[in-house]
Amino acid sequence: IAEAPSIKFTWKDENKRKDVNVGTIAQY
């Protein structure tokens, strides 16, 4: 759990909100 990447991101899709989101990476 501690090794999981913690990231801030904005969606590239035009239909998504432009604010900053916080999450983790599905690939991990």
PDB file of all heavy atoms in Angstrom:
ATOM      1  N   ILE A   1       0.841  -1.198   0.000  1.00  0.00           N
ATOM      2  CA  ILE A   1       0.000   0.000   0.000  1.00  0.00           C
ATOM      3  C   ILE A   1       0.878   1.251   0.000  1.00  0.00           C
ATOM      4  O   ILE A   1       0.646   2.197  -0.754  1.00  0.00           O
ATOM      5  CB  ILE A   1      -0.966  -0.023   1.196  1.00  0.00           C
ATOM      6  CG1 ILE A   1      -1.928  -1.215   1.053  1.00  0.00           C
ATOM      7  CG2 ILE A   1      -1.732   1.290   1.311  1.00  0.00           C
ATOM      8  CD1 ILE A   1      -2.718  -1.535   2.299  1.00  0.00           C
ATOM      9  N   ALA A   2       1.926   1.241   0.826  1.00  0.00           N
ATOM     10  CA  ALA A   2       2.811   2.404   0.924  1.00  0.00           C
ATOM     11  C   ALA A   2       3.607   2.644  -0.357  1.00  0.00           C
ATOM     12  O   ALA A   2       3.936   3.791  -0.676  1.00  0.00           O
ATOM     13  CB  ALA A   2       3.766   2.236   2.109  1.00  0.00           C
ATOM     14  N   GLU A   3       3.910   1.585  -1.099  1.00  0.00           N
ATOM     15  CA  GLU A   3       4.687   1.716  -2.332  1.00  0.00           C
ATOM     16  C   GLU A   3       3.843   2.171  -3.520  1.00  0.00           C
ATOM     17  O   GLU A   3       4.384   2.521  -4.573  1.00  0.00           O
ATOM     18  CB  GLU A   3       5.363   0.383  -2.671  1.00  0.00           C
ATOM     19  CG  GLU A   3       6.488   0.036  -1.733  1.00  0.00           C
ATOM     20  CD  GLU A   3       7.040  -1.369  -1.940  1.00  0.00           C
ATOM     21  OE1 GLU A   3       6.581  -2.074  -2.872  1.00  0.00           O
ATOM     22  OE2 GLU A   3       7.925  -1.765  -1.162  1.00  0.00           O
ATOM     23  N   ALA A   4       2.536   2.208  -3.366  1.00  0.00           N
ATOM     24  CA  ALA A   4       1.664   2.619  -4.464  1.00  0.00           C
ATOM     25  C   ALA A   4       1.935   4.074  -4.831  1.00  0.00           C
ATOM     26  O   ALA A   4       2.033   4.929  -3.953  1.00  0.00           O
ATOM     27  CB  ALA A   4       0.203   2.447  -4.073  1.00  0.00           C
ATOM     28  N   PRO A   5       2.054   4.357  -6.116  1.00  0.00           N
ATOM     29  CA  PRO A   5       2.254   5.741  -6.524  1.00  0.00           C
ATOM     30  C   PRO A   5       1.041   6.591  -6.157  1.00  0.00           C
ATOM     31  O   PRO A   5      -0.089   6.170  -6.320  1.00  0.00           O
ATOM     32  CB  PRO A   5       2.385   5.653  -8.052  1.00  0.00           C
ATOM     33  CG  PRO A   5       2.692   4.222  -8.339  1.00  0.00           C
ATOM     34  CD  PRO A   5       2.064   3.431  -7.246  1.00  0.00           C
ATOM     35  N   SER A   6       1.306   7.775  -5.651  1.00  0.00           N
ATOM     36  CA  SER A   6       0.256   8.743  -5.350  1.00  0.00           C
ATOM     37  C   SER A   6       0.478   9.923  -6.287  1.00  0.00           C
ATOM     38  O   SER A   6       1.560  10.517  -6.284  1.00  0.00           O
ATOM     39  CB  SER A   6       0.363   9.177  -3.887  1.00  0.00           C
ATOM     40  OG  SER A   6      -0.620  10.121  -3.601  1.00  0.00           O
ATOM     41  N   ILE A   7      -0.526  10.227  -7.108  1.00  0.00           N
ATOM     42  CA  ILE A   7      -0.314  11.223  -8.157  1.00  0.00           C
ATOM     43  C   ILE A   7      -1.421  12.280  -8.165  1.00  0.00           C
ATOM     44  O   ILE A   7      -2.517  12.058  -7.684  1.00  0.00           O
ATOM     45  CB  ILE A   7      -0.254  10.547  -9.547  1.00  0.00           C
ATOM     46  CG1 ILE A   7      -1.550   9.787  -9.826  1.00  0.00           C
ATOM     47  CG2 ILE A   7       0.953   9.643  -9.660  1.00  0.00           C
ATOM     48  CD1 ILE A   7      -1.717   9.346 -11.259  1.00  0.00           C
ATOM     49  N   LYS A   8      -1.074  13.433  -8.720  1.00  0.00           N
ATOM     50  CA  LYS A   8      -2.044  14.473  -9.052  1.00  0.00           C
ATOM     51  C   LYS A   8      -2.135  14.491 -10.580  1.00  0.00           C
ATOM     52  O   LYS A   8      -1.125  14.353 -11.264  1.00  0.00           O
ATOM     53  CB  LYS A   8      -1.571  15.844  -8.575  1.00  0.00           C
ATOM     54  CG  LYS A   8      -1.548  16.011  -7.086  1.00  0.00           C
ATOM     55  CD  LYS A   8      -1.101  17.417  -6.746  1.00  0.00           C
ATOM     56  CE  LYS A   8      -0.993  17.602  -5.253  1.00  0.00           C
ATOM     57  NZ  LYS A   8      -0.546  18.966  -4.906  1.00  0.00           N
ATOM     58  N   PHE A   9      -3.353  14.673 -11.103  1.00  0.00           N
ATOM     59  CA  PHE A   9      -3.507  14.679 -12.558  1.00  0.00           C
ATOM     60  C   PHE A   9      -4.738  15.474 -12.974  1.00  0.00           C
ATOM     61  O   PHE A   9      -5.623  15.731 -12.175  1.00  0.00           O
ATOM     62  CB  PHE A   9      -3.608  13.248 -13.098  1.00  0.00           C
ATOM     63  CG  PHE A   9      -4.828  12.497 -12.610  1.00  0.00           C
ATOM     64  CD1 PHE A   9      -5.988  12.472 -13.365  1.00  0.00           C
ATOM     65  CD2 PHE A   9      -4.813  11.821 -11.396  1.00  0.00           C
ATOM     66  CE1 PHE A   9      -7.111  11.791 -12.921  1.00  0.00           C
ATOM     67  CE2 PHE A   9      -5.926  11.128 -10.942  1.00  0.00           C
ATOM     68  CZ  PHE A   9      -7.087  11.122 -11.706  1.00  0.00           C
ATOM     69  N   THR A  10      -4.747  15.871 -14.230  1.00  0.00           N
ATOM     70  CA  THR A  10      -5.936  16.439 -14.855  1.00  0.00           C
ATOM     71  C   THR A  10      -6.283  15.541 -16.036  1.00  0.00           C
ATOM     72  O   THR A  10      -5.398  14.963 -16.676  1.00  0.00           O
ATOM     73  CB  THR A  10      -5.716  17.887 -15.347  1.00  0.00           C
ATOM     74  OG1 THR A  10      -4.578  17.904 -16.189  1.00  0.00           O
ATOM     75  CG2 THR A  10      -5.504  18.831 -14.195  1.00  0.00           C
ATOM     76  N   TRP A  11      -7.567  15.402 -16.318  1.00  0.00           N
ATOM     77  CA  TRP A  11      -8.010  14.554 -17.419  1.00  0.00           C
ATOM     78  C   TRP A  11      -7.638  15.166 -18.758  1.00  0.00           C
ATOM     79  O   TRP A  11      -7.744  16.369 -18.958  1.00  0.00           O
ATOM     80  CB  TRP A  11      -9.518  14.350 -17.349  1.00  0.00           C
ATOM     81  CG  TRP A  11      -9.956  13.573 -16.163  1.00  0.00           C
ATOM     82  CD1 TRP A  11     -10.558  14.054 -15.040  1.00  0.00           C
ATOM     83  CD2 TRP A  11      -9.818  12.163 -15.956  1.00  0.00           C
ATOM     84  NE1 TRP A  11     -10.807  13.038 -14.157  1.00  0.00           N
ATOM     85  CE2 TRP A  11     -10.364  11.866 -14.693  1.00  0.00           C
ATOM     86  CE3 TRP A  11      -9.296  11.125 -16.723  1.00  0.00           C
ATOM     87  CZ2 TRP A  11     -10.400  10.580 -14.172  1.00  0.00           C
ATOM     88  CZ3 TRP A  11      -9.325   9.842 -16.207  1.00  0.00           C
ATOM     89  CH2 TRP A  11      -9.873   9.583 -14.951  1.00  0.00           C
ATOM     90  N   LYS A  12      -7.215  14.333 -19.704  1.00  0.00           N
ATOM     91  CA  LYS A  12      -6.911  14.798 -21.058  1.00  0.00           C
ATOM     92  C   LYS A  12      -8.189  14.915 -21.890  1.00  0.00           C
ATOM     93  O   LYS A  12      -8.262  15.688 -22.823  1.00  0.00           O
ATOM     94  CB  LYS A  12      -5.946  13.828 -21.746  1.00  0.00           C
ATOM     95  CG  LYS A  12      -4.560  13.826 -21.148  1.00  0.00           C
ATOM     96  CD  LYS A  12      -3.665  12.868 -21.902  1.00  0.00           C
ATOM     97  CE  LYS A  12      -2.284  12.828 -21.288  1.00  0.00           C
ATOM     98  NZ  LYS A  12      -1.404  11.876 -21.982  1.00  0.00           N
ATOM     99  N   ASP A  13      -9.192  14.153 -21.558  1.00  0.00           N
ATOM    100  CA  ASP A  13     -10.459  14.147 -22.276  1.00  0.00           C
ATOM    101  C   ASP A  13     -11.157  15.498 -22.124  1.00  0.00           C
ATOM    102  O   ASP A  13     -11.310  16.009 -21.021  1.00  0.00           O
ATOM    103  CB  ASP A  13     -11.337  13.020 -21.712  1.00  0.00           C
ATOM    104  CG  ASP A  13     -12.614  12.823 -22.478  1.00  0.00           C
ATOM    105  OD1 ASP A  13     -13.026  13.727 -23.230  1.00  0.00           O
ATOM    106  OD2 ASP A  13     -13.223  11.751 -22.324  1.00  0.00           O
ATOM    107  N   GLU A  14     -11.611  16.076 -23.208  1.00  0.00           N
ATOM    108  CA  GLU A  14     -12.254  17.390 -23.178  1.00  0.00           C
ATOM    109  C   GLU A  14     -13.532  17.398 -22.351  1.00  0.00           C
ATOM    110  O   GLU A  14     -13.926  18.432 -21.815  1.00  0.00           O
ATOM    111  CB  GLU A  14     -12.583  17.842 -24.602  1.00  0.00           C
ATOM    112  CG  GLU A  14     -11.362  18.147 -25.426  1.00  0.00           C
ATOM    113  CD  GLU A  14     -11.743  18.525 -26.855  1.00  0.00           C
ATOM    114  OE1 GLU A  14     -12.930  18.749 -27.128  1.00  0.00           O
ATOM    115  OE2 GLU A  14     -10.828  18.579 -27.674  1.00  0.00           O
ATOM    116  N   ASN A  15     -14.223  16.267 -22.249  1.00  0.00           N
ATOM    117  CA  ASN A  15     -15.492  16.202 -21.532  1.00  0.00           C
ATOM    118  C   ASN A  15     -15.320  16.081 -20.024  1.00  0.00           C
ATOM    119  O   ASN A  15     -16.272  16.207 -19.282  1.00  0.00           O
ATOM    120  CB  ASN A  15     -16.332  15.024 -22.046  1.00  0.00           C
ATOM    121  CG  ASN A  15     -16.667  15.204 -23.508  1.00  0.00           C
ATOM    122  OD1 ASN A  15     -16.920  16.298 -23.968  1.00  0.00           O
ATOM    123  ND2 ASN A  15     -16.653  14.103 -24.242  1.00  0.00           N
ATOM    124  N   LYS A  16     -14.118  15.795 -19.588  1.00  0.00           N
ATOM    125  CA  LYS A  16     -13.861  15.654 -18.152  1.00  0.00           C
ATOM    126  C   LYS A  16     -13.577  17.025 -17.550  1.00  0.00           C
ATOM    127  O   LYS A  16     -13.179  17.962 -18.235  1.00  0.00           O
ATOM    128  CB  LYS A  16     -12.657  14.732 -17.897  1.00  0.00           C
ATOM    129  CG  LYS A  16     -12.809  13.347 -18.456  1.00  0.00           C
ATOM    130  CD  LYS A  16     -13.673  12.502 -17.572  1.00  0.00           C
ATOM    131  CE  LYS A  16     -13.706  11.068 -18.124  1.00  0.00           C
ATOM    132  NZ  LYS A  16     -14.474  10.180 -17.338  1.00  0.00           N
ATOM    133  N   ARG A  17     -13.750  17.105 -16.241  1.00  0.00           N
ATOM    134  CA  ARG A  17     -13.459  18.361 -15.545  1.00  0.00           C
ATOM    135  C   ARG A  17     -11.975  18.691 -15.633  1.00  0.00           C
ATOM    136  O   ARG A  17     -11.138  17.809 -15.697  1.00  0.00           O
ATOM    137  CB  ARG A  17     -13.890  18.233 -14.095  1.00  0.00           C
ATOM    138  CG  ARG A  17     -15.405  18.095 -13.971  1.00  0.00           C
ATOM    139  CD  ARG A  17     -15.841  17.783 -12.587  1.00  0.00           C
ATOM    140  NE  ARG A  17     -15.294  18.728 -11.638  1.00  0.00           N
ATOM    141  CZ  ARG A  17     -15.443  18.610 -10.338  1.00  0.00           C
ATOM    142  NH1 ARG A  17     -16.102  17.596  -9.828  1.00  0.00           N
ATOM    143  NH2 ARG A  17     -14.921  19.496  -9.520  1.00  0.00           N
ATOM    144  N   LYS A  18     -11.670  19.964 -15.618  1.00  0.00           N
ATOM    145  CA  LYS A  18     -10.284  20.424 -15.770  1.00  0.00           C
ATOM    146  C   LYS A  18      -9.552  20.599 -14.439  1.00  0.00           C
ATOM    147  O   LYS A  18      -8.377  20.921 -14.429  1.00  0.00           O
ATOM    148  CB  LYS A  18     -10.248  21.754 -16.537  1.00  0.00           C
ATOM    149  CG  LYS A  18     -10.840  21.669 -17.922  1.00  0.00           C
ATOM    150  CD  LYS A  18      -9.991  20.817 -18.832  1.00  0.00           C
ATOM    151  CE  LYS A  18     -10.595  20.771 -20.222  1.00  0.00           C
ATOM    152  NZ  LYS A  18     -10.000  19.789 -21.070  1.00  0.00           N
ATOM    153  N   ASP A  19     -10.242  20.383 -13.321  1.00  0.00           N
ATOM    154  CA  ASP A  19      -9.576  20.574 -12.034  1.00  0.00           C
ATOM    155  C   ASP A  19      -8.604  19.425 -11.754  1.00  0.00           C
ATOM    156  O   ASP A  19      -8.626  18.390 -12.403  1.00  0.00           O
ATOM    157  CB  ASP A  19     -10.589  20.726 -10.896  1.00  0.00           C
ATOM    158  CG  ASP A  19     -11.605  19.600 -10.840  1.00  0.00           C
ATOM    159  OD1 ASP A  19     -11.764  18.887 -11.841  1.00  0.00           O
ATOM    160  OD2 ASP A  19     -12.242  19.446  -9.791  1.00  0.00           O
ATOM    161  N   VAL A  20      -7.755  19.636 -10.791  1.00  0.00           N
ATOM    162  CA  VAL A  20      -6.733  18.649 -10.433  1.00  0.00           C
ATOM    163  C   VAL A  20      -7.374  17.525  -9.624  1.00  0.00           C
ATOM    164  O   VAL A  20      -8.158  17.771  -8.712  1.00  0.00           O
ATOM    165  CB  VAL A  20      -5.591  19.311  -9.632  1.00  0.00           C
ATOM    166  CG1 VAL A  20      -4.584  18.272  -9.170  1.00  0.00           C
ATOM    167  CG2 VAL A  20      -4.910  20.383 -10.481  1.00  0.00           C
ATOM    168  N   ASN A  21      -7.056  16.314  -9.983  1.00  0.00           N
ATOM    169  CA  ASN A  21      -7.525  15.122  -9.284  1.00  0.00           C
ATOM    170  C   ASN A  21      -6.353  14.466  -8.573  1.00  0.00           C
ATOM    171  O   ASN A  21      -5.193  14.704  -8.911  1.00  0.00           O
ATOM    172  CB  ASN A  21      -8.124  14.125 -10.277  1.00  0.00           C
ATOM    173  CG  ASN A  21      -9.353  14.662 -10.961  1.00  0.00           C
ATOM    174  OD1 ASN A  21     -10.436  14.559 -10.427  1.00  0.00           O
ATOM    175  ND2 ASN A  21      -9.181  15.258 -12.132  1.00  0.00           N
ATOM    176  N   VAL A  22      -6.654  13.630  -7.605  1.00  0.00           N
ATOM    177  CA  VAL A  22      -5.628  12.884  -6.876  1.00  0.00           C
ATOM    178  C   VAL A  22      -5.988  11.410  -6.960  1.00  0.00           C
ATOM    179  O   VAL A  22      -7.151  11.039  -6.853  1.00  0.00           O
ATOM    180  CB  VAL A  22      -5.556  13.331  -5.399  1.00  0.00           C
ATOM    181  CG1 VAL A  22      -4.555  12.483  -4.627  1.00  0.00           C
ATOM    182  CG2 VAL A  22      -5.195  14.804  -5.310  1.00  0.00           C
ATOM    183  N   GLY A  23      -4.984  10.580  -7.170  1.00  0.00           N
ATOM    184  CA  GLY A  23      -5.256   9.149  -7.274  1.00  0.00           C
ATOM    185  C   GLY A  23      -3.995   8.334  -7.251  1.00  0.00           C
ATOM    186  O   GLY A  23      -2.960   8.746  -6.719  1.00  0.00           O
ATOM    187  N   THR A  24      -4.092   7.170  -7.857  1.00  0.00           N
ATOM    188  CA  THR A  24      -2.959   6.262  -7.960  1.00  0.00           C
ATOM    189  C   THR A  24      -2.966   5.686  -9.371  1.00  0.00           C
ATOM    190  O   THR A  24      -3.807   6.052 -10.189  1.00  0.00           O
ATOM    191  CB  THR A  24      -3.017   5.170  -6.865  1.00  0.00           C
ATOM    192  OG1 THR A  24      -1.817   4.386  -6.919  1.00  0.00           O
ATOM    193  CG2 THR A  24      -4.228   4.289  -6.989  1.00  0.00           C
ATOM    194  N   ILE A  25      -2.049   4.789  -9.667  1.00  0.00           N
ATOM    195  CA  ILE A  25      -1.859   4.306 -11.031  1.00  0.00           C
ATOM    196  C   ILE A  25      -2.376   2.880 -11.174  1.00  0.00           C
ATOM    197  O   ILE A  25      -1.946   1.979 -10.441  1.00  0.00           O
ATOM    198  CB  ILE A  25      -0.369   4.395 -11.406  1.00  0.00           C
ATOM    199  CG1 ILE A  25       0.079   5.857 -11.377  1.00  0.00           C
ATOM    200  CG2 ILE A  25      -0.104   3.773 -12.769  1.00  0.00           C
ATOM    201  CD1 ILE A  25       1.552   6.063 -11.590  1.00  0.00           C
ATOM    202  N   ALA A  26      -3.285   2.682 -12.116  1.00  0.00           N
ATOM    203  CA  ALA A  26      -3.881   1.359 -12.342  1.00  0.00           C
ATOM    204  C   ALA A  26      -2.822   0.315 -12.683  1.00  0.00           C
ATOM    205  O   ALA A  26      -2.936  -0.845 -12.271  1.00  0.00           O
ATOM    206  CB  ALA A  26      -4.930   1.439 -13.442  1.00  0.00           C
ATOM    207  N   GLN A  27      -1.775   0.708 -13.402  1.00  0.00           N
ATOM    208  CA  GLN A  27      -0.738  -0.248 -13.790  1.00  0.00           C
ATOM    209  C   GLN A  27      -0.061  -0.871 -12.564  1.00  0.00           C
ATOM    210  O   GLN A  27       0.288  -2.052 -12.575  1.00  0.00           O
ATOM    211  CB  GLN A  27       0.320   0.411 -14.695  1.00  0.00           C
ATOM    212  CG  GLN A  27      -0.183   0.743 -16.076  1.00  0.00           C
ATOM    213  CD  GLN A  27      -0.920   2.064 -16.163  1.00  0.00           C
ATOM    214  OE1 GLN A  27      -1.312   2.672 -15.159  1.00  0.00           O
ATOM    215  NE2 GLN A  27      -1.136   2.538 -17.386  1.00  0.00           N
ATOM    216  N   TYR A  28       0.135  -0.076 -11.517  1.00  0.00           N
ATOM    217  CA  TYR A  28       0.722  -0.618 -10.288  1.00  0.00           C
ATOM    218  C   TYR A  28      -0.217  -1.652  -9.680  1.00  0.00           C
ATOM    219  O   TYR A  28       0.202  -2.762  -9.326  1.00  0.00           O
ATOM    220  CB  TYR A  28       0.990   0.512  -9.278  1.00  0.00           C
ATOM    221  CG  TYR A  28       1.439  -0.012  -7.937  1.00  0.00           C
ATOM    222  CD1 TYR A  28       2.756  -0.381  -7.717  1.00  0.00           C
ATOM    223  CD2 TYR A  28       0.532  -0.175  -6.886  1.00  0.00           C
ATOM    224  CE1 TYR A  28       3.170  -0.892  -6.503  1.00  0.00           C
ATOM    225  CE2 TYR A  28       0.931  -0.680  -5.666  1.00  0.00           C
ATOM    226  CZ  TYR A  28       2.255  -1.038  -5.471  1.00  0.00           C
ATOM    227  OH  TYR A  28       2.656  -1.561  -4.261  1.00  0.00           O
TER     228      TYR A  28
END
